[in-house]
Amino acid sequence: MFSLSEPPFFARLREARRVLVAGAGGGFDVYAGLPLALALRAAGKEVHLANLSFADLYGLDLDTWVEADVAAVRPDTPLRGDYFPERALARWLRSQGLPDTVYAFPLTGVVPLRAAYRALLAHLGGVDAIVLVDGGTDILMRGDEHGLGTPEEDMASLGAVSGLAEVPHRLVACLGFGVDAYHGVNHALVLENLAALDRAGGYLGAFSLPRESPEGAAYLDAVAHAQDCHASRPSIVQGSVSAALRGDFGDVRFTERTRGSELFVNPLMALYFCVDLPALAHANLYLERLEGTVLMRQISTVIAGFRDELPRQRPPRAFPH
């Protein structure tokens, strides 16, 4: 039973003692999980952070790897190139006096990624819960929509964690409603998918990230730090959420990367939409086909093949008002 006074997401994690919060889609997704991690830590839980990484992990020193395909990124981990969100977050965490290791997974298919998750869980001594976090909402796409966004990384993570039945609680949280429109996601269909998950008992509601909360203030500071560390490739998703959290609205310009496109920053971007992970995996129409994938490009091929077989796609819908 849930209560209005406690979001179902946190009710589900009430008894969890050790939680892994992991970015599902790579890049800066782990930053979307930072407020949740801080809130859970304030509630007395042991919280660890991880991320599917776009960085050049295979160039890291051998002592960075704690398990196969699991890198422990710390503030002093050597930088390769100018893109390393996990290290930027580790440095920000250290500046706040917080545990400063961010675990990173290479971009792989479901088979090695699931093995990497299991290796990390063993390294941590087990966890009671895994929270996959998506910057945006394209992880909620079933597969028959007109546009799927950028599904490969999200589906690798969803497929990997859906097979970890030994973890009692597996949840998904999305922050940044609307940002995936740039990649062709129709957000009326996102809401339709959430309604279907609600009917199946898998929707865990939505709640806002308050700007004046300790978690909201920390998120804004961490994202600003990350943007400074990645001046040539700042995060559009986290930049949009940060702008929404500050109360900005409309076509907000915070990076030259968005030149030529029109943004619609709005308060909905600062909402977390939360679902049960096994329910989301069950609703996906092609996730089982990804079970044998080893490489990320195999995931792309499987998704393309599935899309070719569809008799029809669900067309985009306009919001009626």
Protein backbone atom coordinates (compact mmCIF):
# COMPACT_ATOMS: atom_id res chain seq x y z
CA MET A 1 0.00 0.00 0.00
CA PHE A 2 1.21 3.48 -0.86
CA SER A 3 0.44 6.79 0.82
CA LEU A 4 0.01 10.29 -0.57
CA SER A 5 2.57 11.50 1.95
CA GLU A 6 5.33 9.24 0.58
CA PRO A 7 6.02 8.81 -3.15
CA PRO A 8 5.72 5.15 -4.17
CA PHE A 9 9.30 5.25 -5.46
CA PHE A 10 10.67 5.92 -1.98
CA ALA A 11 8.12 3.60 -0.36
CA ARG A 12 9.49 0.77 -2.49
CA LEU A 13 13.00 1.53 -1.22
CA ARG A 14 12.01 2.00 2.42
CA GLU A 15 13.52 -1.29 3.59
CA ALA A 16 16.55 -1.25 1.28
CA ARG A 17 19.86 -0.78 3.07
CA ARG A 18 22.26 -0.69 0.11
CA VAL A 19 21.28 0.91 -3.21
CA LEU A 20 23.05 1.20 -6.57
CA VAL A 21 21.97 4.24 -8.62
CA ALA A 22 23.12 3.81 -12.22
CA GLY A 23 22.89 5.99 -15.32
CA ALA A 24 21.16 3.92 -18.00
CA GLY A 25 21.89 5.79 -21.20
CA GLY A 26 25.50 6.83 -20.84
CA GLY A 27 26.94 10.31 -20.93
CA PHE A 28 25.69 12.46 -18.07
CA ASP A 29 22.74 10.23 -17.10
CA VAL A 30 24.29 9.48 -13.72
CA TYR A 31 23.83 13.15 -12.82
CA ALA A 32 20.05 12.67 -13.06
CA GLY A 33 20.43 10.08 -10.31
CA LEU A 34 22.45 12.32 -8.00
CA PRO A 35 19.45 13.92 -6.19
CA LEU A 36 17.93 10.49 -5.60
CA ALA A 37 21.24 9.17 -4.30
CA LEU A 38 21.59 12.11 -1.91
CA ALA A 39 18.01 11.72 -0.66
CA LEU A 40 18.51 8.00 -0.07
CA ARG A 41 21.83 8.64 1.68
CA ALA A 42 20.14 11.21 3.93
CA ALA A 43 17.63 8.48 4.82
CA GLY A 44 20.49 6.38 6.17
CA LYS A 45 21.12 4.10 3.20
CA GLU A 46 24.46 3.13 1.70
CA VAL A 47 24.37 4.41 -1.87
CA HIS A 48 26.73 3.74 -4.77
CA LEU A 49 26.83 5.45 -8.16
CA ALA A 50 27.53 3.89 -11.55
CA ASN A 51 27.14 4.84 -15.19
CA LEU A 52 27.21 3.33 -18.66
CA SER A 53 30.10 5.36 -19.99
CA PHE A 54 30.90 7.12 -23.25
CA ALA A 55 34.45 7.81 -22.04
CA ASP A 56 37.54 6.00 -23.32
CA LEU A 57 37.58 3.51 -20.46
CA TYR A 58 39.76 0.94 -22.19
CA GLY A 59 42.63 3.39 -22.12
CA LEU A 60 42.60 3.54 -18.32
CA ASP A 61 45.32 2.01 -16.15
CA LEU A 62 44.87 -1.60 -15.05
CA ASP A 63 44.48 -0.64 -11.39
CA THR A 64 41.35 1.35 -12.29
CA TRP A 65 39.52 -1.89 -13.09
CA VAL A 66 38.11 -3.52 -9.98
CA GLU A 67 36.33 -6.27 -11.92
CA ALA A 68 35.94 -7.27 -15.58
CA ASP A 69 34.25 -4.35 -17.39
CA VAL A 70 33.90 -2.38 -14.13
CA ALA A 71 36.09 0.71 -13.73
CA ALA A 72 36.24 2.53 -10.41
CA VAL A 73 36.58 6.17 -11.42
CA ARG A 74 37.97 8.44 -8.73
CA PRO A 75 38.86 12.15 -8.64
CA ASP A 76 42.50 11.39 -9.50
CA THR A 77 41.79 8.87 -12.29
CA PRO A 78 43.92 9.99 -15.28
CA LEU A 79 41.93 11.82 -17.93
CA ARG A 80 42.01 10.58 -21.52
CA GLY A 81 40.66 13.19 -23.89
CA ASP A 82 38.38 16.00 -22.75
CA TYR A 83 35.22 13.98 -21.98
CA PHE A 84 34.88 12.13 -18.68
CA PRO A 85 31.60 12.83 -16.83
CA GLU A 86 32.28 10.10 -14.28
CA ARG A 87 35.52 11.75 -13.16
CA ALA A 88 33.90 15.17 -13.07
CA LEU A 89 31.22 13.79 -10.76
CA ALA A 90 33.83 12.05 -8.60
CA ARG A 91 35.66 15.36 -8.21
CA TRP A 92 32.45 17.17 -7.28
CA LEU A 93 31.60 14.48 -4.73
CA ARG A 94 35.02 14.84 -3.12
CA SER A 95 34.55 18.62 -2.92
CA GLN A 96 31.38 17.97 -0.90
CA GLY A 97 33.02 15.47 1.45
CA LEU A 98 30.97 12.61 -0.01
CA PRO A 99 32.08 9.10 -1.11
CA ASP A 100 33.82 9.87 -4.39
CA THR A 101 33.95 6.67 -6.45
CA VAL A 102 31.76 6.46 -9.56
CA TYR A 103 31.76 3.05 -11.21
CA ALA A 104 31.72 2.98 -15.01
CA PHE A 105 30.72 0.30 -17.50
CA PRO A 106 32.00 0.19 -21.09
CA LEU A 107 29.51 0.32 -23.97
CA THR A 108 28.64 -3.33 -24.59
CA GLY A 109 25.70 -5.58 -25.34
CA VAL A 110 23.42 -7.14 -22.75
CA VAL A 111 25.49 -10.27 -22.01
CA PRO A 112 28.74 -8.57 -20.90
CA LEU A 113 26.90 -5.65 -19.30
CA ARG A 114 24.83 -7.98 -17.11
CA ALA A 115 28.02 -9.80 -16.16
CA ALA A 116 29.61 -6.45 -15.29
CA TYR A 117 26.65 -5.54 -13.09
CA ARG A 118 26.94 -8.88 -11.29
CA ALA A 119 30.67 -8.34 -10.84
CA LEU A 120 30.04 -4.89 -9.36
CA LEU A 121 27.37 -6.24 -7.02
CA ALA A 122 29.83 -8.86 -5.77
CA HIS A 123 32.49 -6.17 -5.33
CA LEU A 124 30.05 -4.10 -3.26
CA GLY A 125 28.96 -7.07 -1.18
CA GLY A 126 25.50 -7.14 -2.74
CA VAL A 127 22.72 -4.55 -2.93
CA ASP A 128 19.04 -4.51 -2.04
CA ALA A 129 18.03 -2.25 -4.91
CA ILE A 130 19.13 -0.96 -8.29
CA VAL A 131 17.74 2.30 -9.64
CA LEU A 132 18.34 2.87 -13.34
CA VAL A 133 18.18 6.56 -14.17
CA ASP A 134 17.47 8.02 -17.60
CA GLY A 135 18.14 11.62 -18.56
CA GLY A 136 15.00 12.01 -20.66
CA THR A 137 12.24 9.45 -21.09
CA ASP A 138 13.15 7.37 -24.14
CA ILE A 139 13.80 4.34 -21.93
CA LEU A 140 9.98 4.22 -21.61
CA MET A 141 9.50 3.57 -25.34
CA ARG A 142 7.99 0.13 -26.08
CA GLY A 143 9.37 -0.13 -29.61
CA ASP A 144 6.30 0.46 -31.79
CA GLU A 145 6.32 4.25 -31.50
CA HIS A 146 6.99 6.51 -34.48
CA GLY A 147 10.28 7.63 -32.87
CA LEU A 148 12.36 5.83 -30.26
CA GLY A 149 14.95 8.49 -29.47
CA THR A 150 18.37 6.93 -28.86
CA PRO A 151 17.43 3.52 -27.45
CA GLU A 152 20.60 1.43 -27.74
CA GLU A 153 22.31 2.33 -24.46
CA ASP A 154 19.06 2.48 -22.48
CA MET A 155 18.04 -0.94 -23.76
CA ALA A 156 21.44 -2.44 -22.97
CA SER A 157 21.03 -1.29 -19.38
CA LEU A 158 17.37 -2.28 -19.13
CA GLY A 159 18.10 -5.70 -20.60
CA ALA A 160 21.08 -6.25 -18.32
CA VAL A 161 19.33 -5.30 -15.08
CA SER A 162 16.06 -7.03 -15.98
CA GLY A 163 17.99 -10.30 -15.75
CA LEU A 164 19.22 -9.61 -12.20
CA ALA A 165 16.28 -11.28 -10.48
CA GLU A 166 18.39 -11.78 -7.37
CA VAL A 167 18.11 -8.04 -6.58
CA PRO A 168 14.87 -7.52 -4.62
CA HIS A 169 14.04 -4.02 -5.87
CA ARG A 170 14.74 -2.79 -9.41
CA LEU A 171 13.30 0.59 -10.39
CA VAL A 172 13.62 3.13 -13.21
CA ALA A 173 13.50 6.90 -12.73
CA CYS A 174 13.38 9.40 -15.63
CA LEU A 175 14.28 13.07 -15.28
CA GLY A 176 13.90 15.52 -18.18
CA PHE A 177 10.44 15.01 -19.68
CA GLY A 178 10.43 16.59 -23.13
CA VAL A 179 14.15 16.70 -23.87
CA ASP A 180 13.98 13.70 -26.23
CA ALA A 181 11.78 15.57 -28.69
CA TYR A 182 15.03 16.56 -30.41
CA HIS A 183 15.54 12.84 -31.18
CA GLY A 184 12.01 12.25 -32.43
CA VAL A 185 10.26 11.09 -29.25
CA ASN A 186 6.58 12.02 -29.09
CA HIS A 187 5.75 12.71 -25.47
CA ALA A 188 2.04 12.06 -25.81
CA LEU A 189 3.10 8.48 -26.51
CA VAL A 190 5.33 8.57 -23.41
CA LEU A 191 2.24 9.41 -21.37
CA GLU A 192 0.28 6.65 -23.11
CA ASN A 193 3.01 4.17 -22.15
CA LEU A 194 2.95 5.39 -18.54
CA ALA A 195 -0.81 4.91 -18.45
CA ALA A 196 -0.41 1.34 -19.71
CA LEU A 197 2.24 0.68 -17.04
CA ASP A 198 -0.14 2.12 -14.44
CA ARG A 199 -2.85 -0.33 -15.49
CA ALA A 200 -0.31 -3.15 -15.15
CA GLY A 201 0.70 -1.98 -11.69
CA GLY A 202 4.15 -0.83 -12.78
CA TYR A 203 3.86 2.97 -12.55
CA LEU A 204 5.34 4.45 -9.37
CA GLY A 205 4.18 8.01 -9.88
CA ALA A 206 5.94 11.32 -10.41
CA PHE A 207 7.41 13.92 -8.09
CA SER A 208 9.29 17.16 -8.59
CA LEU A 209 12.86 17.99 -7.69
CA PRO A 210 12.52 21.18 -5.61
CA ARG A 211 15.10 23.86 -6.31
CA GLU A 212 15.25 24.91 -2.65
CA SER A 213 15.82 21.38 -1.38
CA PRO A 214 19.36 20.25 -0.44
CA GLU A 215 19.17 17.72 -3.28
CA GLY A 216 18.04 20.33 -5.81
CA ALA A 217 20.76 22.78 -4.80
CA ALA A 218 23.38 20.04 -4.95
CA TYR A 219 22.18 18.96 -8.40
CA LEU A 220 22.45 22.51 -9.76
CA ASP A 221 25.94 22.88 -8.34
CA ALA A 222 27.09 19.49 -9.65
CA VAL A 223 25.74 20.14 -13.15
CA ALA A 224 27.34 23.61 -13.25
CA HIS A 225 30.64 21.98 -12.27
CA ALA A 226 30.22 19.33 -14.97
CA GLN A 227 29.44 21.95 -17.59
CA ASP A 228 32.62 23.83 -16.66
CA CYS A 229 34.61 20.59 -16.94
CA HIS A 230 33.14 19.88 -20.38
CA ALA A 231 32.99 23.33 -21.91
CA SER A 232 33.26 21.94 -25.44
CA ARG A 233 30.60 19.23 -24.88
CA PRO A 234 28.23 20.32 -22.10
CA SER A 235 25.19 18.19 -21.38
CA ILE A 236 22.09 19.42 -23.18
CA VAL A 237 19.83 17.17 -21.10
CA GLN A 238 21.17 18.16 -17.69
CA GLY A 239 21.50 21.77 -18.83
CA SER A 240 17.81 21.76 -19.78
CA VAL A 241 16.76 20.20 -16.48
CA SER A 242 18.89 22.71 -14.57
CA ALA A 243 17.30 25.59 -16.48
CA ALA A 244 13.83 24.21 -15.67
CA LEU A 245 14.81 23.84 -12.02
CA ARG A 246 15.84 27.50 -11.94
CA GLY A 247 12.43 28.51 -13.28
CA ASP A 248 13.51 29.31 -16.83
CA PHE A 249 10.98 28.74 -19.61
CA GLY A 250 10.93 28.33 -23.36
CA ASP A 251 13.84 28.51 -25.77
CA VAL A 252 16.59 28.89 -23.17
CA ARG A 253 20.08 29.18 -24.62
CA PHE A 254 22.78 27.77 -22.32
CA THR A 255 25.15 26.23 -24.90
CA GLU A 256 26.09 26.74 -28.53
CA ARG A 257 25.41 23.02 -29.07
CA THR A 258 21.70 23.85 -29.33
CA ARG A 259 22.17 26.49 -32.02
CA GLY A 260 19.64 26.00 -34.82
CA SER A 261 17.14 24.13 -32.63
CA GLU A 262 14.32 25.46 -30.48
CA LEU A 263 14.16 24.24 -26.90
CA PHE A 264 11.04 24.14 -24.75
CA VAL A 265 12.34 24.30 -21.20
CA ASN A 266 9.46 23.97 -18.76
CA PRO A 267 8.63 22.76 -15.22
CA LEU A 268 7.81 19.21 -16.40
CA MET A 269 11.53 18.68 -17.04
CA ALA A 270 12.16 18.81 -13.28
CA LEU A 271 9.77 15.90 -12.60
CA TYR A 272 10.89 12.36 -11.91
CA PHE A 273 8.68 9.74 -13.59
CA CYS A 274 9.23 6.39 -11.88
CA VAL A 275 8.34 2.82 -12.86
CA ASP A 276 8.99 -0.74 -11.78
CA LEU A 277 11.86 -2.10 -13.87
CA PRO A 278 10.56 -5.65 -14.43
CA ALA A 279 7.19 -4.22 -15.50
CA LEU A 280 8.90 -1.87 -17.95
CA ALA A 281 10.99 -4.71 -19.35
CA HIS A 282 7.87 -6.87 -19.76
CA ALA A 283 6.10 -4.08 -21.66
CA ASN A 284 8.97 -3.66 -24.12
CA LEU A 285 8.20 -5.41 -27.40
CA TYR A 286 11.74 -6.40 -28.42
CA LEU A 287 13.84 -6.56 -25.26
CA GLU A 288 13.97 -10.38 -25.25
CA ARG A 289 15.64 -10.26 -28.67
CA LEU A 290 18.60 -8.47 -27.11
CA GLU A 291 19.42 -11.31 -24.71
CA GLY A 292 22.33 -12.69 -26.73
CA THR A 293 23.91 -9.38 -27.73
CA VAL A 294 27.57 -8.80 -26.95
CA LEU A 295 28.28 -5.58 -28.87
CA MET A 296 26.36 -2.32 -28.93
CA ARG A 297 26.08 -2.45 -32.71
CA GLN A 298 24.25 -5.78 -32.39
CA ILE A 299 21.60 -3.98 -30.34
CA SER A 300 21.21 -1.44 -33.14
CA THR A 301 20.83 -4.24 -35.68
CA VAL A 302 18.22 -6.07 -33.60
CA ILE A 303 16.16 -2.92 -33.07
CA ALA A 304 16.29 -2.07 -36.77
CA GLY A 305 15.19 -5.59 -37.67
CA PHE A 306 12.32 -5.47 -35.22
CA ARG A 307 11.19 -2.12 -36.62
CA ASP A 308 11.24 -3.50 -40.16
CA GLU A 309 8.85 -6.28 -39.09
CA LEU A 310 6.26 -3.97 -37.54
CA PRO A 311 2.99 -3.89 -39.50
CA ARG A 312 2.52 -0.29 -38.34
CA GLN A 313 3.99 2.21 -35.94
CA ARG A 314 2.02 4.19 -33.43
CA PRO A 315 1.84 7.64 -35.00
CA PRO A 316 2.83 10.75 -33.05
CA ARG A 317 -0.02 12.53 -31.28
CA ALA A 318 -0.39 16.19 -30.43
CA PHE A 319 -1.29 17.27 -26.94
CA PRO A 320 -4.98 18.26 -27.14
CA HIS A 321 -4.47 21.40 -25.08
